[in-house]
Amino acid sequence: MAAISREEVAHLARLSRLAVTEEELDRFAGQLDVILQSVARVGEVAAEDIPPTSHSVPLTNVYRDDVPQPSLTQDAALSGAPDAYEGRFRVPRILDEEE
């Protein structure tokens, strides 16, 4: 029994606004069927005594203390800017302001 029909693939394509040919519908239905069967097989293997996880290995965040360090002066940072105004980078406007 197919997990996904050709009509369902056509429906998904319409929802995704994808133009697919008749041949692609057949091919995608077969490919998606294999994917869905594989996912179902993984669901069968999952044991009740294994807790759900988001990652296969434990994750740890590595934090460091913020330590102030010397950095560029305002003039040095702006020295390579194509345009500066009142101590800031000046960039072209991309959005119109609403009044």
PDB file of N, CA and C in Angstrom:
ATOM      1  N   MET A   1       0.837  -1.178   0.000  1.00  0.00           N
ATOM      2  CA  MET A   1       0.000   0.000   0.000  1.00  0.00           C
ATOM      3  C   MET A   1       0.882   1.241   0.000  1.00  0.00           C
ATOM      4  N   ALA A   2       0.618   2.163  -0.888  1.00  0.00           N
ATOM      5  CA  ALA A   2       1.408   3.382  -0.998  1.00  0.00           C
ATOM      6  C   ALA A   2       1.087   4.321   0.154  1.00  0.00           C
ATOM      7  N   ALA A   3       2.114   4.939   0.707  1.00  0.00           N
ATOM      8  CA  ALA A   3       1.924   5.873   1.809  1.00  0.00           C
ATOM      9  C   ALA A   3       1.414   7.215   1.302  1.00  0.00           C
ATOM     10  N   ILE A   4       1.710   7.542   0.054  1.00  0.00           N
ATOM     11  CA  ILE A   4       1.267   8.815  -0.506  1.00  0.00           C
ATOM     12  C   ILE A   4       0.840   8.580  -1.955  1.00  0.00           C
ATOM     13  N   SER A   5      -0.287   9.118  -2.312  1.00  0.00           N
ATOM     14  CA  SER A   5      -0.808   8.899  -3.664  1.00  0.00           C
ATOM     15  C   SER A   5      -0.323   9.990  -4.607  1.00  0.00           C
ATOM     16  N   ARG A   6      -0.497   9.728  -5.862  1.00  0.00           N
ATOM     17  CA  ARG A   6      -0.140  10.688  -6.912  1.00  0.00           C
ATOM     18  C   ARG A   6      -0.974  11.967  -6.756  1.00  0.00           C
ATOM     19  N   GLU A   7      -2.243  11.803  -6.376  1.00  0.00           N
ATOM     20  CA  GLU A   7      -3.122  12.957  -6.178  1.00  0.00           C
ATOM     21  C   GLU A   7      -2.664  13.802  -4.992  1.00  0.00           C
ATOM     22  N   GLU A   8      -2.175  13.142  -3.947  1.00  0.00           N
ATOM     23  CA  GLU A   8      -1.662  13.890  -2.793  1.00  0.00           C
ATOM     24  C   GLU A   8      -0.404  14.665  -3.167  1.00  0.00           C
ATOM     25  N   VAL A   9       0.427  14.081  -4.000  1.00  0.00           N
ATOM     26  CA  VAL A   9       1.624  14.787  -4.468  1.00  0.00           C
ATOM     27  C   VAL A   9       1.210  16.004  -5.293  1.00  0.00           C
ATOM     28  N   ALA A  10       0.220  15.842  -6.152  1.00  0.00           N
ATOM     29  CA  ALA A  10      -0.275  16.966  -6.957  1.00  0.00           C
ATOM     30  C   ALA A  10      -0.829  18.064  -6.050  1.00  0.00           C
ATOM     31  N   HIS A  11      -1.543  17.658  -4.990  1.00  0.00           N
ATOM     32  CA  HIS A  11      -2.086  18.628  -4.042  1.00  0.00           C
ATOM     33  C   HIS A  11      -0.961  19.377  -3.333  1.00  0.00           C
ATOM     34  N   LEU A  12       0.064  18.658  -2.890  1.00  0.00           N
ATOM     35  CA  LEU A  12       1.215  19.290  -2.238  1.00  0.00           C
ATOM     36  C   LEU A  12       1.925  20.248  -3.187  1.00  0.00           C
ATOM     37  N   ALA A  13       2.033  19.852  -4.444  1.00  0.00           N
ATOM     38  CA  ALA A  13       2.680  20.708  -5.442  1.00  0.00           C
ATOM     39  C   ALA A  13       1.884  21.998  -5.620  1.00  0.00           C
ATOM     40  N   ARG A  14       0.560  21.886  -5.660  1.00  0.00           N
ATOM     41  CA  ARG A  14      -0.273  23.090  -5.789  1.00  0.00           C
ATOM     42  C   ARG A  14      -0.109  23.995  -4.574  1.00  0.00           C
ATOM     43  N   LEU A  15      -0.127  23.408  -3.385  1.00  0.00           N
ATOM     44  CA  LEU A  15       0.038  24.201  -2.169  1.00  0.00           C
ATOM     45  C   LEU A  15       1.396  24.892  -2.138  1.00  0.00           C
ATOM     46  N   SER A  16       2.404  24.227  -2.685  1.00  0.00           N
ATOM     47  CA  SER A  16       3.764  24.781  -2.711  1.00  0.00           C
ATOM     48  C   SER A  16       3.994  25.676  -3.908  1.00  0.00           C
ATOM     49  N   ARG A  17       2.983  25.783  -4.747  1.00  0.00           N
ATOM     50  CA  ARG A  17       3.071  26.573  -5.977  1.00  0.00           C
ATOM     51  C   ARG A  17       4.213  26.089  -6.871  1.00  0.00           C
ATOM     52  N   LEU A  18       4.317  24.755  -6.972  1.00  0.00           N
ATOM     53  CA  LEU A  18       5.316  24.142  -7.834  1.00  0.00           C
ATOM     54  C   LEU A  18       4.636  23.612  -9.091  1.00  0.00           C
ATOM     55  N   ALA A  19       5.225  23.902 -10.218  1.00  0.00           N
ATOM     56  CA  ALA A  19       4.721  23.359 -11.479  1.00  0.00           C
ATOM     57  C   ALA A  19       5.445  22.041 -11.732  1.00  0.00           C
ATOM     58  N   VAL A  20       4.696  20.954 -11.706  1.00  0.00           N
ATOM     59  CA  VAL A  20       5.299  19.645 -11.934  1.00  0.00           C
ATOM     60  C   VAL A  20       4.607  18.962 -13.108  1.00  0.00           C
ATOM     61  N   THR A  21       5.375  18.183 -13.830  1.00  0.00           N
ATOM     62  CA  THR A  21       4.831  17.452 -14.972  1.00  0.00           C
ATOM     63  C   THR A  21       4.192  16.150 -14.493  1.00  0.00           C
ATOM     64  N   GLU A  22       3.483  15.491 -15.397  1.00  0.00           N
ATOM     65  CA  GLU A  22       2.861  14.207 -15.065  1.00  0.00           C
ATOM     66  C   GLU A  22       3.919  13.178 -14.670  1.00  0.00           C
ATOM     67  N   GLU A  23       5.040  13.187 -15.380  1.00  0.00           N
ATOM     68  CA  GLU A  23       6.119  12.244 -15.072  1.00  0.00           C
ATOM     69  C   GLU A  23       6.715  12.532 -13.695  1.00  0.00           C
ATOM     70  N   GLU A  24       6.841  13.819 -13.370  1.00  0.00           N
ATOM     71  CA  GLU A  24       7.387  14.188 -12.060  1.00  0.00           C
ATOM     72  C   GLU A  24       6.442  13.760 -10.941  1.00  0.00           C
ATOM     73  N   LEU A  25       5.136  13.851 -11.166  1.00  0.00           N
ATOM     74  CA  LEU A  25       4.180  13.404 -10.152  1.00  0.00           C
ATOM     75  C   LEU A  25       4.397  11.938  -9.821  1.00  0.00           C
ATOM     76  N   ASP A  26       4.550  11.120 -10.857  1.00  0.00           N
ATOM     77  CA  ASP A  26       4.786   9.688 -10.630  1.00  0.00           C
ATOM     78  C   ASP A  26       6.104   9.457  -9.892  1.00  0.00           C
ATOM     79  N   ARG A  27       7.157  10.150 -10.326  1.00  0.00           N
ATOM     80  CA  ARG A  27       8.478   9.966  -9.720  1.00  0.00           C
ATOM     81  C   ARG A  27       8.471  10.452  -8.272  1.00  0.00           C
ATOM     82  N   PHE A  28       7.889  11.643  -8.024  1.00  0.00           N
ATOM     83  CA  PHE A  28       7.858  12.188  -6.666  1.00  0.00           C
ATOM     84  C   PHE A  28       7.012  11.320  -5.740  1.00  0.00           C
ATOM     85  N   ALA A  29       5.921  10.764  -6.246  1.00  0.00           N
ATOM     86  CA  ALA A  29       5.081   9.890  -5.422  1.00  0.00           C
ATOM     87  C   ALA A  29       5.893   8.695  -4.951  1.00  0.00           C
ATOM     88  N   GLY A  30       6.669   8.095  -5.861  1.00  0.00           N
ATOM     89  CA  GLY A  30       7.514   6.966  -5.478  1.00  0.00           C
ATOM     90  C   GLY A  30       8.586   7.362  -4.483  1.00  0.00           C
ATOM     91  N   GLN A  31       9.229   8.507  -4.715  1.00  0.00           N
ATOM     92  CA  GLN A  31      10.289   8.964  -3.818  1.00  0.00           C
ATOM     93  C   GLN A  31       9.740   9.311  -2.436  1.00  0.00           C
ATOM     94  N   LEU A  32       8.620  10.013  -2.400  1.00  0.00           N
ATOM     95  CA  LEU A  32       8.026  10.365  -1.114  1.00  0.00           C
ATOM     96  C   LEU A  32       7.521   9.128  -0.379  1.00  0.00           C
ATOM     97  N   ASP A  33       7.054   8.140  -1.119  1.00  0.00           N
ATOM     98  CA  ASP A  33       6.616   6.893  -0.512  1.00  0.00           C
ATOM     99  C   ASP A  33       7.777   6.215   0.209  1.00  0.00           C
ATOM    100  N   VAL A  34       8.940   6.184  -0.423  1.00  0.00           N
ATOM    101  CA  VAL A  34      10.128   5.586   0.196  1.00  0.00           C
ATOM    102  C   VAL A  34      10.508   6.346   1.461  1.00  0.00           C
ATOM    103  N   ILE A  35      10.456   7.672   1.402  1.00  0.00           N
ATOM    104  CA  ILE A  35      10.794   8.492   2.566  1.00  0.00           C
ATOM    105  C   ILE A  35       9.828   8.219   3.712  1.00  0.00           C
ATOM    106  N   LEU A  36       8.528   8.209   3.414  1.00  0.00           N
ATOM    107  CA  LEU A  36       7.533   7.985   4.468  1.00  0.00           C
ATOM    108  C   LEU A  36       7.641   6.589   5.058  1.00  0.00           C
ATOM    109  N   GLN A  37       7.946   5.592   4.241  1.00  0.00           N
ATOM    110  CA  GLN A  37       8.143   4.238   4.758  1.00  0.00           C
ATOM    111  C   GLN A  37       9.367   4.169   5.667  1.00  0.00           C
ATOM    112  N   SER A  38      10.413   4.898   5.312  1.00  0.00           N
ATOM    113  CA  SER A  38      11.622   4.927   6.147  1.00  0.00           C
ATOM    114  C   SER A  38      11.334   5.574   7.493  1.00  0.00           C
ATOM    115  N   VAL A  39      10.574   6.659   7.475  1.00  0.00           N
ATOM    116  CA  VAL A  39      10.207   7.321   8.726  1.00  0.00           C
ATOM    117  C   VAL A  39       9.351   6.389   9.578  1.00  0.00           C
ATOM    118  N   ALA A  40       8.439   5.677   8.964  1.00  0.00           N
ATOM    119  CA  ALA A  40       7.595   4.734   9.701  1.00  0.00           C
ATOM    120  C   ALA A  40       8.450   3.617  10.307  1.00  0.00           C
ATOM    121  N   ARG A  41       9.453   3.173   9.592  1.00  0.00           N
ATOM    122  CA  ARG A  41      10.338   2.117  10.090  1.00  0.00           C
ATOM    123  C   ARG A  41      11.112   2.605  11.313  1.00  0.00           C
ATOM    124  N   VAL A  42      11.552   3.849  11.298  1.00  0.00           N
ATOM    125  CA  VAL A  42      12.248   4.413  12.458  1.00  0.00           C
ATOM    126  C   VAL A  42      11.299   4.451  13.650  1.00  0.00           C
ATOM    127  N   GLY A  43      10.039   4.801  13.406  1.00  0.00           N
ATOM    128  CA  GLY A  43       9.056   4.827  14.480  1.00  0.00           C
ATOM    129  C   GLY A  43       8.824   3.460  15.096  1.00  0.00           C
ATOM    130  N   GLU A  44       8.957   2.397  14.318  1.00  0.00           N
ATOM    131  CA  GLU A  44       8.794   1.042  14.832  1.00  0.00           C
ATOM    132  C   GLU A  44       9.971   0.631  15.711  1.00  0.00           C
ATOM    133  N   VAL A  45      11.141   1.139  15.423  1.00  0.00           N
ATOM    134  CA  VAL A  45      12.346   0.768  16.154  1.00  0.00           C
ATOM    135  C   VAL A  45      12.406   1.458  17.507  1.00  0.00           C
ATOM    136  N   ALA A  46      11.845   2.638  17.614  1.00  0.00           N
ATOM    137  CA  ALA A  46      11.928   3.398  18.859  1.00  0.00           C
ATOM    138  C   ALA A  46      11.362   2.582  20.009  1.00  0.00           C
ATOM    139  N   ALA A  47      12.150   2.461  21.065  1.00  0.00           N
ATOM    140  CA  ALA A  47      11.739   1.676  22.232  1.00  0.00           C
ATOM    141  C   ALA A  47      11.198   2.603  23.311  1.00  0.00           C
ATOM    142  N   GLU A  48      10.308   2.056  24.123  1.00  0.00           N
ATOM    143  CA  GLU A  48       9.690   2.862  25.170  1.00  0.00           C
ATOM    144  C   GLU A  48      10.687   3.269  26.245  1.00  0.00           C
ATOM    145  N   ASP A  49      11.731   2.469  26.455  1.00  0.00           N
ATOM    146  CA  ASP A  49      12.689   2.778  27.517  1.00  0.00           C
ATOM    147  C   ASP A  49      13.761   3.781  27.085  1.00  0.00           C
ATOM    148  N   ILE A  50      13.688   4.265  25.838  1.00  0.00           N
ATOM    149  CA  ILE A  50      14.643   5.252  25.348  1.00  0.00           C
ATOM    150  C   ILE A  50      13.943   6.609  25.327  1.00  0.00           C
ATOM    151  N   PRO A  51      14.458   7.562  26.098  1.00  0.00           N
ATOM    152  CA  PRO A  51      13.787   8.870  26.136  1.00  0.00           C
ATOM    153  C   PRO A  51      13.981   9.622  24.817  1.00  0.00           C
ATOM    154  N   PRO A  52      12.989  10.417  24.426  1.00  0.00           N
ATOM    155  CA  PRO A  52      13.130  11.208  23.201  1.00  0.00           C
ATOM    156  C   PRO A  52      14.257  12.230  23.363  1.00  0.00           C
ATOM    157  N   THR A  53      14.990  12.448  22.299  1.00  0.00           N
ATOM    158  CA  THR A  53      16.084  13.415  22.326  1.00  0.00           C
ATOM    159  C   THR A  53      16.027  14.291  21.088  1.00  0.00           C
ATOM    160  N   SER A  54      16.614  15.456  21.206  1.00  0.00           N
ATOM    161  CA  SER A  54      16.679  16.346  20.048  1.00  0.00           C
ATOM    162  C   SER A  54      18.003  16.202  19.313  1.00  0.00           C
ATOM    163  N   HIS A  55      19.019  15.665  20.008  1.00  0.00           N
ATOM    164  CA  HIS A  55      20.334  15.482  19.399  1.00  0.00           C
ATOM    165  C   HIS A  55      20.888  14.118  19.810  1.00  0.00           C
ATOM    166  N   SER A  56      21.706  13.560  18.956  1.00  0.00           N
ATOM    167  CA  SER A  56      22.250  12.237  19.255  1.00  0.00           C
ATOM    168  C   SER A  56      23.358  12.279  20.293  1.00  0.00           C
ATOM    169  N   VAL A  57      23.981  13.428  20.485  1.00  0.00           N
ATOM    170  CA  VAL A  57      25.029  13.573  21.495  1.00  0.00           C
ATOM    171  C   VAL A  57      24.656  14.743  22.407  1.00  0.00           C
ATOM    172  N   PRO A  58      25.078  14.688  23.653  1.00  0.00           N
ATOM    173  CA  PRO A  58      24.747  15.789  24.561  1.00  0.00           C
ATOM    174  C   PRO A  58      25.375  17.101  24.076  1.00  0.00           C
ATOM    175  N   LEU A  59      24.639  18.171  24.247  1.00  0.00           N
ATOM    176  CA  LEU A  59      25.141  19.488  23.876  1.00  0.00           C
ATOM    177  C   LEU A  59      25.474  20.270  25.135  1.00  0.00           C
ATOM    178  N   THR A  60      26.573  20.981  25.083  1.00  0.00           N
ATOM    179  CA  THR A  60      26.912  21.870  26.180  1.00  0.00           C
ATOM    180  C   THR A  60      27.262  23.228  25.603  1.00  0.00           C
ATOM    181  N   ASN A  61      26.825  24.259  26.271  1.00  0.00           N
ATOM    182  CA  ASN A  61      27.176  25.615  25.874  1.00  0.00           C
ATOM    183  C   ASN A  61      28.469  26.000  26.566  1.00  0.00           C
ATOM    184  N   VAL A  62      29.356  26.577  25.814  1.00  0.00           N
ATOM    185  CA  VAL A  62      30.617  27.031  26.382  1.00  0.00           C
ATOM    186  C   VAL A  62      30.542  28.543  26.487  1.00  0.00           C
ATOM    187  N   TYR A  63      30.565  29.008  27.699  1.00  0.00           N
ATOM    188  CA  TYR A  63      30.494  30.438  27.934  1.00  0.00           C
ATOM    189  C   TYR A  63      31.850  30.933  28.416  1.00  0.00           C
ATOM    190  N   ARG A  64      32.143  32.143  28.109  1.00  0.00           N
ATOM    191  CA  ARG A  64      33.354  32.762  28.638  1.00  0.00           C
ATOM    192  C   ARG A  64      32.952  34.086  29.247  1.00  0.00           C
ATOM    193  N   ASP A  65      33.739  34.533  30.176  1.00  0.00           N
ATOM    194  CA  ASP A  65      33.482  35.839  30.789  1.00  0.00           C
ATOM    195  C   ASP A  65      33.769  36.933  29.771  1.00  0.00           C
ATOM    196  N   ASP A  66      32.951  37.954  29.789  1.00  0.00           N
ATOM    197  CA  ASP A  66      33.214  39.118  28.949  1.00  0.00           C
ATOM    198  C   ASP A  66      34.367  39.897  29.560  1.00  0.00           C
ATOM    199  N   VAL A  67      35.393  40.064  28.780  1.00  0.00           N
ATOM    200  CA  VAL A  67      36.558  40.801  29.246  1.00  0.00           C
ATOM    201  C   VAL A  67      36.765  41.965  28.296  1.00  0.00           C
ATOM    202  N   PRO A  68      36.706  43.200  28.810  1.00  0.00           N
ATOM    203  CA  PRO A  68      36.929  44.346  27.922  1.00  0.00           C
ATOM    204  C   PRO A  68      38.338  44.277  27.327  1.00  0.00           C
ATOM    205  N   GLN A  69      38.413  44.537  26.034  1.00  0.00           N
ATOM    206  CA  GLN A  69      39.686  44.543  25.337  1.00  0.00           C
ATOM    207  C   GLN A  69      39.770  45.803  24.502  1.00  0.00           C
ATOM    208  N   PRO A  70      40.988  46.231  24.210  1.00  0.00           N
ATOM    209  CA  PRO A  70      41.118  47.420  23.360  1.00  0.00           C
ATOM    210  C   PRO A  70      40.489  47.169  21.988  1.00  0.00           C
ATOM    211  N   SER A  71      39.844  48.191  21.459  1.00  0.00           N
ATOM    212  CA  SER A  71      39.232  48.061  20.141  1.00  0.00           C
ATOM    213  C   SER A  71      39.454  49.355  19.369  1.00  0.00           C
ATOM    214  N   LEU A  72      38.884  49.425  18.187  1.00  0.00           N
ATOM    215  CA  LEU A  72      39.053  50.602  17.345  1.00  0.00           C
ATOM    216  C   LEU A  72      38.379  51.823  17.953  1.00  0.00           C
ATOM    217  N   THR A  73      38.970  52.956  17.708  1.00  0.00           N
ATOM    218  CA  THR A  73      38.292  54.205  18.077  1.00  0.00           C
ATOM    219  C   THR A  73      37.195  54.457  17.057  1.00  0.00           C
ATOM    220  N   GLN A  74      36.309  55.370  17.379  1.00  0.00           N
ATOM    221  CA  GLN A  74      35.230  55.696  16.452  1.00  0.00           C
ATOM    222  C   GLN A  74      35.803  56.202  15.132  1.00  0.00           C
ATOM    223  N   ASP A  75      36.808  57.060  15.193  1.00  0.00           N
ATOM    224  CA  ASP A  75      37.409  57.585  13.968  1.00  0.00           C
ATOM    225  C   ASP A  75      38.073  56.482  13.150  1.00  0.00           C
ATOM    226  N   ALA A  76      38.747  55.553  13.817  1.00  0.00           N
ATOM    227  CA  ALA A  76      39.410  54.464  13.105  1.00  0.00           C
ATOM    228  C   ALA A  76      38.376  53.552  12.440  1.00  0.00           C
ATOM    229  N   ALA A  77      37.271  53.281  13.138  1.00  0.00           N
ATOM    230  CA  ALA A  77      36.235  52.417  12.577  1.00  0.00           C
ATOM    231  C   ALA A  77      35.595  53.059  11.354  1.00  0.00           C
ATOM    232  N   LEU A  78      35.414  54.358  11.396  1.00  0.00           N
ATOM    233  CA  LEU A  78      34.760  55.065  10.291  1.00  0.00           C
ATOM    234  C   LEU A  78      35.726  55.457   9.182  1.00  0.00           C
ATOM    235  N   SER A  79      37.005  55.241   9.385  1.00  0.00           N
ATOM    236  CA  SER A  79      37.986  55.710   8.399  1.00  0.00           C
ATOM    237  C   SER A  79      37.828  55.040   7.033  1.00  0.00           C
ATOM    238  N   GLY A  80      37.364  53.835   6.985  1.00  0.00           N
ATOM    239  CA  GLY A  80      37.188  53.151   5.704  1.00  0.00           C
ATOM    240  C   GLY A  80      35.773  53.210   5.164  1.00  0.00           C
ATOM    241  N   ALA A  81      34.899  53.918   5.867  1.00  0.00           N
ATOM    242  CA  ALA A  81      33.501  53.983   5.434  1.00  0.00           C
ATOM    243  C   ALA A  81      33.365  54.885   4.213  1.00  0.00           C
ATOM    244  N   PRO A  82      32.540  54.487   3.236  1.00  0.00           N
ATOM    245  CA  PRO A  82      32.323  55.342   2.079  1.00  0.00           C
ATOM    246  C   PRO A  82      31.642  56.650   2.446  1.00  0.00           C
ATOM    247  N   ASP A  83      30.807  56.605   3.513  1.00  0.00           N
ATOM    248  CA  ASP A  83      30.103  57.815   3.929  1.00  0.00           C
ATOM    249  C   ASP A  83      29.829  57.716   5.430  1.00  0.00           C
ATOM    250  N   ALA A  84      30.108  58.778   6.152  1.00  0.00           N
ATOM    251  CA  ALA A  84      29.838  58.829   7.591  1.00  0.00           C
ATOM    252  C   ALA A  84      29.131  60.136   7.897  1.00  0.00           C
ATOM    253  N   TYR A  85      28.304  60.114   8.936  1.00  0.00           N
ATOM    254  CA  TYR A  85      27.558  61.313   9.336  1.00  0.00           C
ATOM    255  C   TYR A  85      27.394  61.282  10.846  1.00  0.00           C
ATOM    256  N   GLU A  86      27.817  62.326  11.512  1.00  0.00           N
ATOM    257  CA  GLU A  86      27.703  62.469  12.965  1.00  0.00           C
ATOM    258  C   GLU A  86      28.236  61.246  13.703  1.00  0.00           C
ATOM    259  N   GLY A  87      29.383  60.756  13.251  1.00  0.00           N
ATOM    260  CA  GLY A  87      30.026  59.646  13.951  1.00  0.00           C
ATOM    261  C   GLY A  87      29.412  58.285  13.700  1.00  0.00           C
ATOM    262  N   ARG A  88      28.625  58.167  12.653  1.00  0.00           N
ATOM    263  CA  ARG A  88      27.982  56.884  12.330  1.00  0.00           C
ATOM    264  C   ARG A  88      28.177  56.565  10.856  1.00  0.00           C
ATOM    265  N   PHE A  89      28.029  55.280  10.530  1.00  0.00           N
ATOM    266  CA  PHE A  89      28.037  54.885   9.129  1.00  0.00           C
ATOM    267  C   PHE A  89      26.772  55.414   8.482  1.00  0.00           C
ATOM    268  N   ARG A  90      26.906  55.976   7.317  1.00  0.00           N
ATOM    269  CA  ARG A  90      25.735  56.462   6.591  1.00  0.00           C
ATOM    270  C   ARG A  90      25.494  55.513   5.423  1.00  0.00           C
ATOM    271  N   VAL A  91      24.278  55.010   5.334  1.00  0.00           N
ATOM    272  CA  VAL A  91      23.925  54.048   4.283  1.00  0.00           C
ATOM    273  C   VAL A  91      22.725  54.565   3.512  1.00  0.00           C
ATOM    274  N   PRO A  92      22.567  54.127   2.280  1.00  0.00           N
ATOM    275  CA  PRO A  92      21.404  54.577   1.505  1.00  0.00           C
ATOM    276  C   PRO A  92      20.106  54.082   2.130  1.00  0.00           C
ATOM    277  N   ARG A  93      19.078  54.899   2.029  1.00  0.00           N
ATOM    278  CA  ARG A  93      17.757  54.527   2.530  1.00  0.00           C
ATOM    279  C   ARG A  93      17.168  53.450   1.618  1.00  0.00           C
ATOM    280  N   ILE A  94      16.618  52.420   2.251  1.00  0.00           N
ATOM    281  CA  ILE A  94      15.985  51.364   1.454  1.00  0.00           C
ATOM    282  C   ILE A  94      14.482  51.308   1.674  1.00  0.00           C
ATOM    283  N   LEU A  95      14.009  51.919   2.733  1.00  0.00           N
ATOM    284  CA  LEU A  95      12.578  51.941   3.021  1.00  0.00           C
ATOM    285  C   LEU A  95      12.104  53.391   3.085  1.00  0.00           C
ATOM    286  N   ASP A  96      10.927  53.630   2.606  1.00  0.00           N
ATOM    287  CA  ASP A  96      10.343  54.963   2.714  1.00  0.00           C
ATOM    288  C   ASP A  96       9.712  55.125   4.083  1.00  0.00           C
ATOM    289  N   GLU A  97       9.837  56.306   4.642  1.00  0.00           N
ATOM    290  CA  GLU A  97       9.194  56.584   5.908  1.00  0.00           C
ATOM    291  C   GLU A  97       7.740  56.941   5.676  1.00  0.00           C
ATOM    292  N   GLU A  98       6.882  56.408   6.514  1.00  0.00           N
ATOM    293  CA  GLU A  98       5.461  56.752   6.428  1.00  0.00           C
ATOM    294  C   GLU A  98       5.217  57.991   7.283  1.00  0.00           C
ATOM    295  N   GLU A  99       4.394  58.867   6.796  1.00  0.00           N
ATOM    296  CA  GLU A  99       4.101  60.078   7.557  1.00  0.00           C
ATOM    297  C   GLU A  99       2.810  59.945   8.296  1.00  0.00           C
TER     298      GLU A  99
END
